[in-house]
Amino acid sequence: MNTIFLICRAITVGIIVGFFCGGLKLIFKKKPSETNNAAARKFINQLSVILKYITFLVLAIGLVWCCYFLLLGIANPELAEYANNMSSLIVAILTVISIIFAFVEFMRRT
């Protein structure tokens, strides 16, 4: 767990440094041309379509498994805590995936 904590901490520092360096780059960089904007918009639209289908696939699979663990907890009360923990883990993963999809959709529409 200590290694995972160090990796997460390093990624967080990298994101913060990258955020500030990117902000400085935006201040001093020339404006992109219309062809660059069109190419970037096309790429984001293609990525959004692919990500939408992957997100719906994962959400459907997550729904199936959450229902399974709900029924497992009802049928076997001694496994209720395990089923609850697994359902919580599935929901956490689906939340992260949904946030990523929402971010890409936000970038596509702005």
Protein backbone atom coordinates (compact mmCIF):
# COMPACT_ATOMS: atom_id res chain seq x y z
CA MET A 1 0.00 0.00 0.00
CA ASN A 2 2.90 2.34 0.67
CA THR A 3 4.04 1.96 -2.94
CA ILE A 4 0.55 2.72 -4.26
CA PHE A 5 0.38 5.77 -1.98
CA LEU A 6 3.72 7.03 -3.33
CA ILE A 7 2.58 6.48 -6.92
CA CYS A 8 -0.67 8.40 -6.29
CA ARG A 9 1.24 11.20 -4.60
CA ALA A 10 3.70 11.44 -7.52
CA ILE A 11 0.86 11.50 -10.04
CA THR A 12 -0.87 14.26 -8.05
CA VAL A 13 2.29 16.38 -7.99
CA GLY A 14 2.75 15.77 -11.72
CA ILE A 15 -0.81 16.86 -12.45
CA ILE A 16 -0.41 20.05 -10.39
CA VAL A 17 2.92 20.94 -12.02
CA GLY A 18 1.53 20.15 -15.47
CA PHE A 19 -1.54 22.27 -14.78
CA PHE A 20 0.55 25.32 -13.91
CA CYS A 21 3.01 24.78 -16.78
CA GLY A 22 0.07 24.40 -19.17
CA GLY A 23 -1.38 27.65 -17.86
CA LEU A 24 1.90 29.43 -18.54
CA LYS A 25 2.04 27.88 -22.00
CA LEU A 26 -1.47 29.17 -22.77
CA ILE A 27 -0.40 32.68 -21.85
CA PHE A 28 2.68 32.72 -24.12
CA LYS A 29 1.51 30.48 -26.99
CA LYS A 30 0.23 31.71 -30.33
CA LYS A 31 -3.39 31.02 -31.20
CA PRO A 32 -3.91 27.81 -33.23
CA SER A 33 -5.09 27.97 -36.82
CA GLU A 34 -8.57 27.00 -37.99
CA THR A 35 -7.27 23.76 -39.53
CA ASN A 36 -5.72 22.74 -36.21
CA ASN A 37 -8.98 23.56 -34.42
CA ALA A 38 -11.00 21.53 -36.93
CA ALA A 39 -8.65 18.55 -36.64
CA ALA A 40 -8.76 18.64 -32.84
CA ARG A 41 -12.57 18.95 -32.87
CA LYS A 42 -12.86 15.97 -35.24
CA PHE A 43 -10.59 13.86 -33.02
CA ILE A 44 -12.55 14.75 -29.87
CA ASN A 45 -15.84 13.90 -31.61
CA GLN A 46 -14.50 10.49 -32.67
CA LEU A 47 -13.16 9.84 -29.19
CA SER A 48 -16.50 10.84 -27.69
CA VAL A 49 -18.42 8.34 -29.82
CA ILE A 50 -16.08 5.49 -28.87
CA LEU A 51 -16.08 6.48 -25.22
CA LYS A 52 -19.88 6.69 -25.16
CA TYR A 53 -20.27 3.07 -26.22
CA ILE A 54 -17.58 1.86 -23.83
CA THR A 55 -19.24 3.78 -20.99
CA PHE A 56 -22.67 2.32 -21.72
CA LEU A 57 -21.16 -1.18 -21.94
CA VAL A 58 -19.45 -0.83 -18.57
CA LEU A 59 -22.56 0.71 -16.98
CA ALA A 60 -24.71 -2.19 -18.21
CA ILE A 61 -22.23 -4.77 -16.92
CA GLY A 62 -22.01 -2.90 -13.61
CA LEU A 63 -25.79 -2.94 -13.29
CA VAL A 64 -25.86 -6.70 -13.84
CA TRP A 65 -23.17 -7.36 -11.23
CA CYS A 66 -24.66 -4.96 -8.67
CA CYS A 67 -27.98 -6.80 -9.02
CA TYR A 68 -26.13 -10.10 -8.59
CA PHE A 69 -24.46 -8.93 -5.39
CA LEU A 70 -27.77 -7.56 -4.12
CA LEU A 71 -29.38 -10.95 -4.63
CA LEU A 72 -26.33 -12.67 -3.11
CA GLY A 73 -26.67 -10.55 0.03
CA ILE A 74 -30.38 -11.35 0.25
CA ALA A 75 -29.95 -15.09 -0.36
CA ASN A 76 -26.89 -15.53 1.87
CA PRO A 77 -26.96 -13.16 4.85
CA GLU A 78 -23.48 -14.26 5.94
CA LEU A 79 -22.13 -12.94 2.61
CA ALA A 80 -23.99 -9.63 2.88
CA GLU A 81 -20.91 -7.63 3.92
CA TYR A 82 -18.87 -9.08 1.06
CA ALA A 83 -21.68 -8.33 -1.40
CA ASN A 84 -22.00 -4.78 -0.07
CA ASN A 85 -18.25 -4.16 -0.40
CA MET A 86 -18.18 -5.52 -3.94
CA SER A 87 -21.17 -3.39 -4.95
CA SER A 88 -19.50 -0.31 -3.47
CA LEU A 89 -16.35 -1.06 -5.44
CA ILE A 90 -18.32 -1.46 -8.67
CA VAL A 91 -20.17 1.81 -8.07
CA ALA A 92 -16.89 3.62 -7.37
CA ILE A 93 -15.38 2.38 -10.63
CA LEU A 94 -18.51 3.29 -12.58
CA THR A 95 -18.47 6.76 -11.05
CA VAL A 96 -14.92 7.36 -12.24
CA ILE A 97 -15.78 6.13 -15.73
CA SER A 98 -18.86 8.36 -15.84
CA ILE A 99 -16.82 11.38 -14.75
CA ILE A 100 -14.32 10.72 -17.54
CA PHE A 101 -17.16 10.47 -20.06
CA ALA A 102 -18.74 13.68 -18.76
CA PHE A 103 -15.41 15.49 -19.08
CA VAL A 104 -14.96 14.36 -22.69
CA GLU A 105 -18.52 15.41 -23.51
CA PHE A 106 -17.87 18.80 -21.89
CA MET A 107 -14.73 19.22 -23.98
CA ARG A 108 -16.61 18.20 -27.12
CA ARG A 109 -19.42 20.72 -26.60
CA THR A 110 -17.23 23.71 -25.70
